[in-house]
Protein backbone atom coordinates (compact mmCIF):
# COMPACT_ATOMS: atom_id res chain seq x y z
CA MET A 1 24.62 9.46 -6.76
CA LYS A 2 21.27 10.62 -8.16
CA LYS A 3 19.91 9.37 -11.43
CA ARG A 4 16.61 9.21 -13.29
CA TRP A 5 16.11 5.59 -12.46
CA VAL A 6 12.35 5.14 -12.79
CA SER A 7 12.91 2.42 -15.40
CA ALA A 8 14.04 0.09 -12.63
CA VAL A 9 10.58 0.32 -11.17
CA LEU A 10 9.28 -1.46 -14.23
CA ALA A 11 11.11 -4.62 -13.28
CA VAL A 12 8.68 -5.38 -10.51
CA SER A 13 4.92 -5.75 -10.38
CA LEU A 14 3.89 -3.58 -7.47
CA LEU A 15 1.06 -3.55 -4.93
CA ALA A 16 -1.48 -6.30 -5.44
CA GLY A 17 -4.95 -5.64 -4.17
CA CYS A 18 -4.75 -1.82 -4.21
CA SER A 19 -6.48 -0.40 -7.22
CA PRO A 20 -4.88 2.58 -8.95
CA GLY A 21 -7.05 5.57 -9.81
CA GLY A 22 -8.08 7.03 -13.12
CA GLN A 23 -10.99 8.26 -15.18
CA THR A 24 -12.49 7.72 -18.57
CA ASP A 25 -12.13 11.23 -20.02
CA GLN A 26 -8.88 11.20 -21.94
CA ALA A 27 -8.28 14.91 -21.46
CA GLY A 28 -4.77 16.25 -21.01
CA SER A 29 -1.53 15.38 -22.73
CA GLY A 30 1.14 16.31 -20.23
CA ASP A 31 1.50 19.84 -21.67
CA THR A 32 1.99 22.19 -18.75
CA SER A 33 1.83 25.47 -20.69
CA GLY A 34 -0.58 28.06 -19.35
CA ALA A 35 -3.97 28.31 -21.01
CA SER A 36 -5.18 31.54 -22.65
CA GLY A 37 -6.55 34.35 -20.52
CA GLY A 38 -4.09 33.73 -17.70
CA GLU A 39 -5.69 30.43 -16.71
CA ALA A 40 -3.05 27.86 -15.74
CA GLU A 41 -3.70 24.44 -17.20
CA ILE A 42 -2.66 21.62 -14.87
CA THR A 43 -2.38 18.11 -16.27
CA PHE A 44 -2.69 14.98 -14.19
CA TRP A 45 -1.86 11.38 -15.12
CA ARG A 46 -2.96 8.28 -13.32
CA PRO A 47 -3.72 4.67 -14.23
CA GLN A 48 -7.22 3.68 -15.28
CA ALA A 49 -9.24 2.29 -12.39
CA SER A 50 -12.67 0.90 -11.61
CA GLY A 51 -15.88 2.67 -12.59
CA PRO A 52 -16.72 4.05 -9.12
CA GLU A 53 -13.20 5.42 -8.66
CA ASP A 54 -13.11 6.89 -12.15
CA ASN A 55 -16.47 8.56 -11.58
CA PHE A 56 -15.30 10.00 -8.28
CA TYR A 57 -12.34 11.74 -9.92
CA VAL A 58 -14.40 13.07 -12.81
CA LYS A 59 -16.77 14.64 -10.29
CA ARG A 60 -14.04 16.09 -8.07
CA ILE A 61 -12.19 17.59 -11.04
CA GLU A 62 -15.39 19.21 -12.30
CA GLU A 63 -15.89 20.71 -8.84
CA PHE A 64 -12.30 21.93 -8.72
CA ASN A 65 -12.52 23.58 -12.11
CA LYS A 66 -15.77 25.31 -11.19
CA ALA A 67 -14.26 26.63 -7.95
CA HIS A 68 -11.09 27.85 -9.72
CA GLU A 69 -12.63 29.04 -12.99
CA GLY A 70 -10.47 31.59 -14.75
CA LYS A 71 -7.44 30.76 -12.58
CA ILE A 72 -6.70 27.04 -12.80
CA LYS A 73 -8.04 24.30 -15.07
CA LEU A 74 -7.27 20.71 -14.11
CA LYS A 75 -7.29 18.09 -16.85
CA MET A 76 -6.81 14.40 -16.10
CA GLU A 77 -5.72 11.64 -18.41
CA ALA A 78 -6.31 8.03 -17.49
CA ILE A 79 -3.78 5.62 -18.91
CA THR A 80 -5.39 2.29 -19.77
CA ARG A 81 -3.36 -0.56 -18.38
CA GLY A 82 -3.38 -2.86 -21.38
CA ASN A 83 -0.43 -4.65 -19.83
CA SER A 84 1.05 -4.56 -16.35
CA PHE A 85 3.40 -1.67 -17.11
CA ALA A 86 1.54 0.49 -19.66
CA TYR A 87 1.29 3.34 -17.17
CA GLU A 88 4.91 3.04 -16.06
CA ASP A 89 6.02 2.86 -19.68
CA LYS A 90 4.34 6.20 -20.41
CA ILE A 91 5.87 7.77 -17.30
CA ASN A 92 9.26 6.42 -18.30
CA ALA A 93 9.02 7.91 -21.80
CA ALA A 94 7.93 11.27 -20.37
CA VAL A 95 10.86 11.27 -17.94
CA ALA A 96 13.27 10.80 -20.82
CA SER A 97 11.71 13.61 -22.88
CA HIS A 98 10.97 15.95 -19.95
CA THR A 99 7.27 15.97 -20.83
CA LEU A 100 5.77 14.76 -17.56
CA PRO A 101 2.39 16.17 -16.56
CA ASP A 102 2.16 18.62 -13.67
CA LEU A 103 0.72 15.95 -11.35
CA VAL A 104 1.72 12.32 -11.43
CA ALA A 105 0.20 9.39 -9.56
CA MET A 106 2.61 6.83 -8.14
CA ASP A 107 2.28 3.73 -6.04
CA GLY A 108 3.41 4.28 -2.47
CA PRO A 109 6.58 2.14 -2.55
CA ASN A 110 7.80 4.09 -5.59
CA VAL A 111 7.79 7.51 -3.93
CA ALA A 112 11.41 7.27 -2.78
CA ASN A 113 12.53 6.15 -6.22
CA TYR A 114 10.75 9.08 -7.88
CA ALA A 115 12.14 11.51 -5.29
CA ALA A 116 15.72 10.26 -5.48
CA SER A 117 15.53 10.38 -9.26
CA SER A 118 14.34 14.03 -9.19
CA ILE A 119 11.13 13.09 -10.97
CA VAL A 120 8.94 14.74 -8.33
CA ARG A 121 9.60 17.78 -6.15
CA PRO A 122 9.07 18.33 -2.41
CA LEU A 123 5.66 19.53 -1.22
CA ASP A 124 6.66 20.92 2.18
CA GLU A 125 6.28 24.59 1.23
CA TYR A 126 2.64 24.01 0.29
CA TYR A 127 1.55 22.40 3.58
CA THR A 128 1.40 23.70 7.14
CA LYS A 129 2.31 21.35 9.98
CA GLU A 130 -1.36 21.30 10.96
CA GLU A 131 -2.41 20.25 7.46
CA LEU A 132 0.15 17.45 7.37
CA SER A 133 -0.87 16.20 10.80
CA ASP A 134 -4.34 15.37 9.47
CA PHE A 135 -2.90 12.61 7.27
CA VAL A 136 -2.74 9.24 9.01
CA PRO A 137 0.87 8.54 10.09
CA SER A 138 1.58 5.88 7.46
CA ILE A 139 0.75 8.32 4.65
CA LEU A 140 3.41 10.71 5.95
CA GLN A 141 5.89 7.84 6.29
CA GLN A 142 5.16 6.61 2.76
CA GLY A 143 5.42 10.09 1.24
CA THR A 144 8.57 11.26 3.01
CA TYR A 145 12.10 10.75 1.70
CA ASN A 146 15.26 12.21 3.25
CA GLY A 147 13.17 14.40 5.54
CA LYS A 148 11.05 15.94 2.79
CA PHE A 149 7.42 15.24 1.90
CA TYR A 150 6.95 14.31 -1.78
CA ALA A 151 3.58 12.63 -2.23
CA ALA A 152 0.15 12.92 -0.64
CA GLY A 153 -1.89 9.73 -0.32
CA LEU A 154 -5.21 9.39 -2.10
CA ALA A 155 -6.53 6.65 0.18
CA GLU A 156 -5.08 4.08 2.57
CA SER A 157 -5.10 0.31 2.77
CA SER A 158 -4.69 -2.23 5.52
CA VAL A 159 -4.46 -5.94 6.13
CA VAL A 160 -6.59 -7.47 8.86
CA LEU A 161 -7.37 -10.99 10.01
CA PHE A 162 -10.80 -12.02 8.76
CA TYR A 163 -12.41 -14.96 10.52
CA ASN A 164 -15.28 -17.32 9.86
CA LYS A 165 -17.77 -16.82 12.69
CA LYS A 166 -19.32 -20.29 12.33
CA ILE A 167 -15.95 -22.01 12.58
CA MET A 168 -14.91 -19.88 15.54
CA LYS A 169 -18.14 -20.73 17.34
CA GLN A 170 -17.71 -24.42 16.52
CA TYR A 171 -14.40 -24.49 18.40
CA GLY A 172 -15.33 -22.04 21.15
CA ILE A 173 -12.90 -19.38 19.93
CA GLU A 174 -13.53 -15.70 20.61
CA PRO A 175 -11.39 -13.42 18.43
CA PRO A 176 -10.09 -10.20 20.03
CA THR A 177 -12.23 -7.06 19.76
CA LYS A 178 -9.63 -4.67 21.19
CA MET A 179 -6.19 -3.94 19.80
CA GLU A 180 -4.48 -4.55 23.15
CA ASP A 181 -5.85 -8.10 23.04
CA ALA A 182 -4.69 -8.85 19.50
CA TRP A 183 -3.63 -12.47 19.02
CA THR A 184 0.05 -13.17 19.34
CA TRP A 185 1.72 -15.38 16.76
CA ASP A 186 1.50 -18.31 19.14
CA GLN A 187 -2.18 -17.71 19.86
CA TRP A 188 -2.96 -17.45 16.16
CA TYR A 189 -0.96 -20.62 15.61
CA GLU A 190 -3.08 -22.44 18.19
CA VAL A 191 -6.25 -21.19 16.48
CA MET A 192 -4.96 -22.52 13.18
CA LYS A 193 -4.00 -25.88 14.68
CA LYS A 194 -7.42 -26.25 16.23
CA THR A 195 -9.41 -25.31 13.13
CA ALA A 196 -7.30 -27.00 10.41
CA GLN A 197 -9.45 -30.12 10.13
CA ASN A 198 -11.82 -31.80 7.71
CA GLY A 199 -10.52 -30.11 4.59
CA VAL A 200 -10.32 -26.67 6.21
CA PHE A 201 -7.06 -24.71 6.43
CA GLY A 202 -6.22 -22.73 9.55
CA THR A 203 -5.72 -19.61 7.47
CA ASN A 204 -5.56 -18.22 3.95
CA MET A 205 -2.72 -15.73 3.62
CA ILE A 206 -1.20 -15.93 0.14
CA ASN A 207 -2.71 -13.32 -2.18
CA ASP A 208 0.05 -13.67 -4.74
CA LYS A 209 3.76 -14.36 -4.61
CA GLY A 210 4.83 -10.94 -5.83
CA GLU A 211 4.31 -7.61 -4.05
CA TRP A 212 1.90 -9.16 -1.56
CA MET A 213 4.77 -11.02 0.08
CA THR A 214 6.48 -7.76 1.08
CA TYR A 215 3.29 -5.78 1.68
CA ALA A 216 1.83 -8.32 4.09
CA PHE A 217 4.75 -10.16 5.64
CA GLU A 218 7.28 -7.37 6.31
CA GLN A 219 5.08 -6.69 9.36
CA PHE A 220 6.29 -9.91 10.99
CA TRP A 221 9.81 -8.45 11.01
CA ILE A 222 8.53 -5.12 12.38
CA SER A 223 6.46 -6.76 15.09
CA ASN A 224 9.54 -8.71 16.17
CA GLY A 225 11.53 -5.51 16.68
CA THR A 226 13.41 -5.31 13.38
CA ASP A 227 12.68 -4.62 9.68
CA ILE A 228 13.87 -5.83 6.30
CA VAL A 229 16.10 -2.76 5.81
CA ASN A 230 17.56 -0.20 8.18
CA LYS A 231 15.75 3.06 8.94
CA GLU A 232 17.84 4.98 6.40
CA GLY A 233 17.03 2.43 3.69
CA THR A 234 20.72 2.02 2.91
CA SER A 235 21.31 -1.58 4.01
CA ALA A 236 19.44 -4.84 4.60
CA LYS A 237 22.35 -6.68 6.18
CA GLY A 238 21.71 -7.31 9.86
CA MET A 239 18.03 -6.46 9.37
CA VAL A 240 16.21 -8.87 7.06
CA ASN A 241 18.69 -11.59 8.06
CA SER A 242 19.02 -10.66 11.74
CA ASP A 243 18.21 -13.20 14.43
CA LYS A 244 14.78 -11.58 14.82
CA GLY A 245 14.29 -11.68 11.06
CA ILE A 246 15.22 -15.35 10.96
CA GLU A 247 12.73 -15.97 13.77
CA ALA A 248 9.94 -14.24 11.82
CA ALA A 249 10.68 -16.20 8.65
CA SER A 250 10.95 -19.44 10.62
CA PHE A 251 7.48 -18.89 12.08
CA LEU A 252 6.00 -18.49 8.60
CA GLN A 253 7.91 -21.55 7.42
CA LYS A 254 6.46 -23.55 10.33
CA LEU A 255 2.92 -22.65 9.29
CA ALA A 256 3.67 -23.82 5.76
CA LYS A 257 5.43 -27.01 6.87
CA GLU A 258 2.48 -27.98 9.06
CA LYS A 259 0.12 -27.22 6.17
CA LEU A 260 -1.86 -24.71 8.20
CA PHE A 261 -2.31 -22.66 5.04
CA ASN A 262 -2.34 -23.46 1.35
CA ILE A 263 0.73 -22.01 -0.38
CA ASP A 264 -1.18 -22.14 -3.71
CA PRO A 265 -4.68 -21.31 -2.54
CA LYS A 266 -7.89 -21.04 -4.46
CA PRO A 267 -8.77 -17.31 -4.45
CA THR A 268 -12.13 -17.92 -2.76
CA GLU A 269 -10.92 -20.43 -0.18
CA PHE A 270 -12.05 -18.32 2.81
CA GLU A 271 -15.31 -17.29 1.21
CA GLU A 272 -16.21 -20.94 0.60
CA GLY A 273 -15.55 -21.90 4.22
CA LYS A 274 -12.31 -23.74 3.43
CA ALA A 275 -10.15 -21.50 5.64
CA ALA A 276 -10.94 -20.48 9.21
CA THR A 277 -9.10 -17.14 8.99
CA LYS A 278 -7.71 -14.97 6.22
CA LEU A 279 -5.09 -12.25 5.97
CA GLY A 280 -6.73 -9.81 3.60
CA GLY A 281 -7.82 -6.25 3.14
CA PRO A 282 -10.86 -4.00 2.70
CA TRP A 283 -10.85 -4.80 -1.02
CA ASN A 284 -12.05 -8.32 -0.13
CA ILE A 285 -15.18 -7.14 1.66
CA PRO A 286 -17.37 -6.22 -1.36
CA GLY A 287 -16.93 -9.76 -2.69
CA PHE A 288 -18.19 -11.37 0.51
CA LYS A 289 -21.78 -10.50 -0.44
CA ASP A 290 -21.57 -13.13 -3.19
CA TYR A 291 -21.30 -15.80 -0.49
CA PRO A 292 -24.52 -15.57 1.55
CA ASP A 293 -23.54 -18.52 3.77
CA LEU A 294 -20.36 -16.76 4.89
CA GLU A 295 -20.57 -15.13 8.31
CA TRP A 296 -17.39 -13.13 8.74
CA GLY A 297 -15.73 -10.90 11.27
CA ILE A 298 -12.51 -8.91 11.53
CA THR A 299 -9.80 -8.93 14.15
CA TYR A 300 -6.34 -7.37 14.34
CA PHE A 301 -3.15 -8.27 12.53
CA PRO A 302 -1.32 -10.84 14.73
CA LYS A 303 1.75 -9.65 16.65
CA LYS A 304 4.79 -11.20 18.28
CA ALA A 305 4.27 -11.74 22.02
CA GLY A 306 5.75 -8.69 23.72
CA GLY A 307 6.42 -7.15 20.32
CA VAL A 308 5.09 -4.24 18.30
CA GLN A 309 1.47 -4.06 17.19
CA THR A 310 1.59 -3.17 13.52
CA ALA A 311 -0.24 -3.68 10.24
CA PRO A 312 0.49 -3.25 6.52
CA SER A 313 -0.44 -0.05 4.72
CA GLY A 314 0.22 1.90 1.55
CA SER A 315 -1.54 2.90 -1.62
CA TRP A 316 -1.38 5.36 -4.51
CA ALA A 317 -0.29 8.96 -3.99
CA ILE A 318 0.15 12.15 -6.03
CA GLY A 319 3.24 14.27 -6.50
CA ILE A 320 4.21 17.37 -8.48
CA SER A 321 6.58 16.58 -11.32
CA ALA A 322 9.91 18.31 -11.77
CA ASP A 323 8.73 19.28 -15.27
CA SER A 324 5.74 21.29 -14.03
CA LYS A 325 5.79 24.96 -15.06
CA HIS A 326 3.00 25.76 -12.60
CA PRO A 327 3.97 24.06 -9.31
CA LYS A 328 1.97 26.48 -7.15
CA GLU A 329 -1.24 25.86 -9.10
CA ALA A 330 -0.45 22.14 -9.28
CA ALA A 331 -0.20 22.13 -5.47
CA GLU A 332 -3.68 23.66 -5.24
CA ALA A 333 -5.05 20.83 -7.35
CA LEU A 334 -3.11 18.19 -5.44
CA LYS A 335 -4.37 19.46 -2.10
CA TRP A 336 -7.95 19.49 -3.42
CA LEU A 337 -7.69 15.89 -4.64
CA THR A 338 -6.37 14.71 -1.26
CA ASN A 339 -8.30 16.94 1.17
CA LYS A 340 -10.84 15.81 3.76
CA ASP A 341 -13.81 15.88 1.36
CA SER A 342 -11.94 13.97 -1.34
CA SER A 343 -10.63 11.46 1.19
CA THR A 344 -14.14 10.87 2.53
CA GLN A 345 -15.75 10.53 -0.86
CA LEU A 346 -13.04 8.25 -2.23
CA ALA A 347 -13.26 5.98 0.82
CA LYS A 348 -16.98 5.59 0.19
CA ALA A 349 -16.49 5.02 -3.54
CA ILE A 350 -13.87 2.26 -3.33
CA SER A 351 -14.45 0.73 0.13
CA MET A 352 -10.92 1.56 1.25
CA PRO A 353 -9.94 3.43 4.44
CA ALA A 354 -9.44 7.18 4.27
CA SER A 355 -6.00 8.79 4.26
CA ARG A 356 -7.20 11.74 6.39
CA LYS A 357 -7.97 11.43 10.10
CA SER A 358 -10.72 14.02 9.86
CA ALA A 359 -12.47 12.04 7.14
CA TYR A 360 -13.50 9.41 9.66
CA ASP A 361 -15.84 11.99 11.25
CA SER A 362 -17.98 11.47 8.14
CA LEU A 363 -17.52 7.69 7.96
CA PRO A 364 -19.60 6.35 10.89
CA GLU A 365 -19.34 2.77 9.62
CA TYR A 366 -15.77 2.77 10.98
CA ASN A 367 -16.91 3.46 14.55
CA ASP A 368 -18.16 -0.05 15.25
CA LEU A 369 -17.05 -3.61 14.60
CA PRO A 370 -16.05 -5.03 12.22
CA MET A 371 -14.83 -1.90 10.38
CA ARG A 372 -13.48 -0.31 13.56
CA VAL A 373 -10.54 -2.72 13.41
CA ILE A 374 -9.46 -1.19 10.08
CA LYS A 375 -9.75 2.37 11.43
CA ASP A 376 -7.83 1.44 14.59
CA GLN A 377 -4.96 0.04 12.55
CA VAL A 378 -4.87 2.78 9.91
CA THR A 379 -4.96 5.69 12.35
CA THR A 380 -2.54 4.33 14.96
CA VAL A 381 -0.21 1.43 14.08
CA SER A 382 -0.07 0.93 10.30
CA HIS A 383 3.40 0.88 8.78
CA ALA A 384 4.23 1.58 5.14
CA ARG A 385 6.75 -0.45 3.21
CA PRO A 386 10.43 0.62 3.29
CA VAL A 387 11.14 4.09 1.93
CA THR A 388 14.13 3.49 -0.31
CA PRO A 389 14.88 4.27 -3.98
CA ALA A 390 16.07 0.67 -4.36
CA TYR A 391 12.71 -0.72 -3.29
CA PRO A 392 12.05 -2.58 -6.60
CA VAL A 393 15.06 -4.81 -6.00
CA LEU A 394 14.28 -5.22 -2.31
CA THR A 395 10.71 -6.37 -2.83
CA GLN A 396 11.59 -8.72 -5.68
CA LYS A 397 14.37 -10.45 -3.74
CA PHE A 398 12.38 -10.58 -0.51
CA ALA A 399 9.31 -12.06 -2.20
CA GLU A 400 11.38 -14.71 -3.95
CA ALA A 401 13.21 -15.65 -0.76
CA LEU A 402 10.08 -15.82 1.39
CA THR A 403 8.32 -17.99 -1.18
CA ASP A 404 11.32 -20.33 -1.19
CA ILE A 405 11.36 -20.37 2.63
CA MET A 406 7.69 -21.32 2.77
CA MET A 407 8.53 -24.17 0.43
CA GLY A 408 11.29 -25.41 2.72
CA ALA A 409 14.45 -23.53 1.74
CA ASP A 410 17.13 -22.76 4.31
CA VAL A 411 15.95 -19.66 6.16
CA LYS A 412 19.30 -18.02 6.91
CA LYS A 413 20.81 -18.62 3.48
CA SER A 414 17.72 -17.25 1.78
CA LEU A 415 17.68 -14.08 3.89
CA ASP A 416 21.44 -13.63 3.57
CA ASN A 417 20.95 -13.60 -0.20
CA VAL A 418 18.30 -10.86 0.10
CA ALA A 419 20.64 -8.73 2.19
CA ALA A 420 23.58 -9.18 -0.16
CA SER A 421 21.57 -8.46 -3.30
CA TYR A 422 19.93 -5.38 -1.86
CA ASP A 423 23.10 -3.90 -0.40
CA GLU A 424 24.93 -4.39 -3.67
CA GLU A 425 22.13 -2.68 -5.62
CA TYR A 426 21.94 0.25 -3.23
CA LYS A 427 25.70 0.74 -3.18
CA ARG A 428 25.97 0.58 -6.97
CA ASN A 429 23.15 3.02 -7.76
CA PHE A 430 22.41 5.22 -4.76
CA ALA A 431 25.33 5.41 -2.32
CA LYS A 432 26.95 8.83 -2.34
């Protein structure tokens, strides 16, 4: 059963730590009628973002319009996020009135919901296989639903293990510099046990207790040979609550029980030298300069011994709305905004990894440590969150259960509840 179900997305606060894009010129209103003189006017909505990101898009749109003068004019409207869901509220209203812009920005986990709800249309006819292959694998995974590609990623994200060089040296610990040597869970546990002394935690790994819990910790399930839903996204039973899933959750519960991390941490715990390691992302790096005493390095996301090397990924993407009257021209604009040059420039503007493999040819800072770790993960092993139209319910239930587990709740019962809630939601709204 298909339905315009975007309103369900509003029930959950999505990706923490990944900034949405936008710009300050409030041009565009969602009207997709052609401009005079045969020039097609393409409108683009996205959430307001930081100054550098806003400026990047203003510049790229000016360049696009100059290159396509007389044929296509791209106008972008940034939606100020006065509250958590101001952008989603506007999208929701436009869905109901069929007044969506030609191009719509959406957070990665929402792509399947938008696709299943017929809010965005497939992009496959506008891309060659060669063009698609230049996206890093996780962007294709994130943007693909039921075998069709719906959304092209603007940038990527990742979660790595930061470490305090002084603390590592103090205990004679040498973090891995090659992916094949990435710490196993047990090795990371031993590092935490050794360094959790004198008011210092072994790690800092709670960003928030919402979307972060799924974004970061689903990878423990994947590394252990399972996931929190099946590949088709139709069921969580036997996945999130499988024996391997219970083992992953039990490991995280052990870290909490032994107080190796602070379940309610101060945001700058790692920066202040109060945590030996930190699960975090590229967005943390700019803030490190405010702590001149911090000597930091990066190593790979920990994996289960004998398991899969993986890492979190996912960020904002662009799709063509079902309401667009100029999908061909909209595709030209979309491809421009996500091409190699855009990917390179955006990566430089917001200190996030590029979504295009070829962009790294122009980003030499990713060739050497510490940034090489991010590139290694993004281009080879990163894994996007589950592609399912019922993702909002999945992430909410999983985050709640994992928080409870870290606070001592029964692991199996908590995960069984996630599976039951998700399967019921999927069956009620999306099963054919």
